Amino acid sequence: NGKTVFMNKGCWMCHGTAGQGGINGPKLAPDPIPQEAFMSFVRTSSREMPAYREPVLSNNDLAHIYAYLRSVAKSPDSNNIPLLNQ
């Protein structure tokens, strides 16, 4: 459900489809910041990202997004990718 909300609310446009970061948005996953800090930032951001108030993004949906970001697997160590070690 969190990935669906992440995609539907347009988070992916700046943060990438897996929260990996992009040109306009920082990396969010894996290992996102603590949930309370994440939720506070999303609600009160005064930077380039607009603040998403509860009427636009419910606390439940925001919690689902956070759970999705926590579920993103870490990328493999480049030393363990044979093609990169030739």
C-alpha atoms as a PDB file:
ATOM      1  CA  ASN A   1       0.000   0.000   0.000  1.00  0.00           C
ATOM      2  CA  GLY A   2       2.835   2.426   0.811  1.00  0.00           C
ATOM      3  CA  LYS A   3       4.380   2.068  -2.621  1.00  0.00           C
ATOM      4  CA  THR A   4       0.987   2.772  -4.216  1.00  0.00           C
ATOM      5  CA  VAL A   5       0.580   5.958  -2.159  1.00  0.00           C
ATOM      6  CA  PHE A   6       4.210   6.956  -2.890  1.00  0.00           C
ATOM      7  CA  MET A   7       3.506   6.633  -6.613  1.00  0.00           C
ATOM      8  CA  ASN A   8       0.011   8.183  -6.592  1.00  0.00           C
ATOM      9  CA  LYS A   9       1.070  11.252  -4.588  1.00  0.00           C
ATOM     10  CA  GLY A  10       3.979  11.854  -6.973  1.00  0.00           C
ATOM     11  CA  CYS A  11       6.784  11.291  -4.460  1.00  0.00           C
ATOM     12  CA  TRP A  12       8.581   9.158  -7.046  1.00  0.00           C
ATOM     13  CA  MET A  13       9.001  12.138  -9.385  1.00  0.00           C
ATOM     14  CA  CYS A  14      11.683  13.658  -7.186  1.00  0.00           C
ATOM     15  CA  HIS A  15      12.784  10.756  -4.986  1.00  0.00           C
ATOM     16  CA  GLY A  16      12.805   7.906  -7.541  1.00  0.00           C
ATOM     17  CA  THR A  17      10.487   4.914  -7.669  1.00  0.00           C
ATOM     18  CA  ALA A  18      12.319   3.173  -4.820  1.00  0.00           C
ATOM     19  CA  GLY A  19      13.225   6.279  -2.833  1.00  0.00           C
ATOM     20  CA  GLN A  20      16.757   6.102  -4.233  1.00  0.00           C
ATOM     21  CA  GLY A  21      16.917   9.848  -4.804  1.00  0.00           C
ATOM     22  CA  GLY A  22      16.986  11.852  -7.974  1.00  0.00           C
ATOM     23  CA  ILE A  23      17.936  15.198  -9.432  1.00  0.00           C
ATOM     24  CA  ASN A  24      15.347  17.100  -7.376  1.00  0.00           C
ATOM     25  CA  GLY A  25      14.954  14.959  -4.270  1.00  0.00           C
ATOM     26  CA  PRO A  26      17.287  13.290  -1.787  1.00  0.00           C
ATOM     27  CA  LYS A  27      17.619   9.573  -1.172  1.00  0.00           C
ATOM     28  CA  LEU A  28      14.954   8.336   1.242  1.00  0.00           C
ATOM     29  CA  ALA A  29      15.577   4.589   1.243  1.00  0.00           C
ATOM     30  CA  PRO A  30      16.842   2.246   2.358  1.00  0.00           C
ATOM     31  CA  ASP A  31      17.289   3.279   5.967  1.00  0.00           C
ATOM     32  CA  PRO A  32      15.051   6.358   6.085  1.00  0.00           C
ATOM     33  CA  ILE A  33      15.418   8.869   8.895  1.00  0.00           C
ATOM     34  CA  PRO A  34      13.425   8.074  12.078  1.00  0.00           C
ATOM     35  CA  GLN A  35       9.671   8.000  11.476  1.00  0.00           C
ATOM     36  CA  GLU A  36       8.834  10.961  13.712  1.00  0.00           C
ATOM     37  CA  ALA A  37      11.411  13.165  11.960  1.00  0.00           C
ATOM     38  CA  PHE A  38      10.231  11.954   8.548  1.00  0.00           C
ATOM     39  CA  MET A  39       6.596  12.720   9.277  1.00  0.00           C
ATOM     40  CA  SER A  40       7.439  16.117  10.757  1.00  0.00           C
ATOM     41  CA  PHE A  41       9.527  17.077   7.735  1.00  0.00           C
ATOM     42  CA  VAL A  42       6.824  16.030   5.277  1.00  0.00           C
ATOM     43  CA  ARG A  43       4.264  18.103   7.184  1.00  0.00           C
ATOM     44  CA  THR A  44       6.354  21.241   7.737  1.00  0.00           C
ATOM     45  CA  SER A  45       8.945  21.358   4.958  1.00  0.00           C
ATOM     46  CA  SER A  46       9.922  24.862   3.934  1.00  0.00           C
ATOM     47  CA  ARG A  47      12.508  23.788   1.392  1.00  0.00           C
ATOM     48  CA  GLU A  48      11.944  22.970  -2.257  1.00  0.00           C
ATOM     49  CA  MET A  49       9.531  20.198  -1.326  1.00  0.00           C
ATOM     50  CA  PRO A  50       6.069  21.493  -0.495  1.00  0.00           C
ATOM     51  CA  ALA A  51       4.645  20.633   2.901  1.00  0.00           C
ATOM     52  CA  TYR A  52       2.006  17.928   2.661  1.00  0.00           C
ATOM     53  CA  ARG A  53      -0.698  18.736   5.207  1.00  0.00           C
ATOM     54  CA  GLU A  54      -3.051  16.048   6.492  1.00  0.00           C
ATOM     55  CA  PRO A  55      -5.951  16.961   4.153  1.00  0.00           C
ATOM     56  CA  VAL A  56      -3.650  16.154   1.220  1.00  0.00           C
ATOM     57  CA  LEU A  57      -1.813  13.165   2.736  1.00  0.00           C
ATOM     58  CA  SER A  58      -3.368  11.395   5.708  1.00  0.00           C
ATOM     59  CA  ASN A  59      -1.300  10.243   8.669  1.00  0.00           C
ATOM     60  CA  ASN A  60      -2.225   6.683   7.742  1.00  0.00           C
ATOM     61  CA  ASP A  61      -0.974   7.123   4.158  1.00  0.00           C
ATOM     62  CA  LEU A  62       2.186   8.806   5.409  1.00  0.00           C
ATOM     63  CA  ALA A  63       2.822   5.870   7.751  1.00  0.00           C
ATOM     64  CA  HIS A  64       2.331   3.495   4.812  1.00  0.00           C
ATOM     65  CA  ILE A  65       4.867   5.474   2.757  1.00  0.00           C
ATOM     66  CA  TYR A  66       7.343   5.247   5.618  1.00  0.00           C
ATOM     67  CA  ALA A  67       6.786   1.476   5.881  1.00  0.00           C
ATOM     68  CA  TYR A  68       7.411   1.183   2.137  1.00  0.00           C
ATOM     69  CA  LEU A  69      10.683   3.127   2.413  1.00  0.00           C
ATOM     70  CA  ARG A  70      11.783   0.863   5.288  1.00  0.00           C
ATOM     71  CA  SER A  71      11.019  -2.205   3.160  1.00  0.00           C
ATOM     72  CA  VAL A  72      13.301  -1.210   0.289  1.00  0.00           C
ATOM     73  CA  ALA A  73      16.240  -3.600   0.150  1.00  0.00           C
ATOM     74  CA  LYS A  74      19.782  -2.304   0.247  1.00  0.00           C
ATOM     75  CA  SER A  75      21.705  -2.400  -3.007  1.00  0.00           C
ATOM     76  CA  PRO A  76      24.313  -5.134  -3.261  1.00  0.00           C
ATOM     77  CA  ASP A  77      27.902  -4.229  -2.500  1.00  0.00           C
ATOM     78  CA  SER A  78      29.614  -3.436  -5.804  1.00  0.00           C
ATOM     79  CA  ASN A  79      32.434  -5.811  -4.804  1.00  0.00           C
ATOM     80  CA  ASN A  80      29.909  -8.655  -5.007  1.00  0.00           C
ATOM     81  CA  ILE A  81      28.786  -7.918  -8.580  1.00  0.00           C
ATOM     82  CA  PRO A  82      30.942 -10.039 -10.908  1.00  0.00           C
ATOM     83  CA  LEU A  83      30.438  -7.851 -13.971  1.00  0.00           C
ATOM     84  CA  LEU A  84      31.864  -4.847 -12.121  1.00  0.00           C
ATOM     85  CA  ASN A  85      34.929  -6.759 -10.981  1.00  0.00           C
ATOM     86  CA  GLN A  86      36.387  -7.905 -14.289  1.00  0.00           C
END
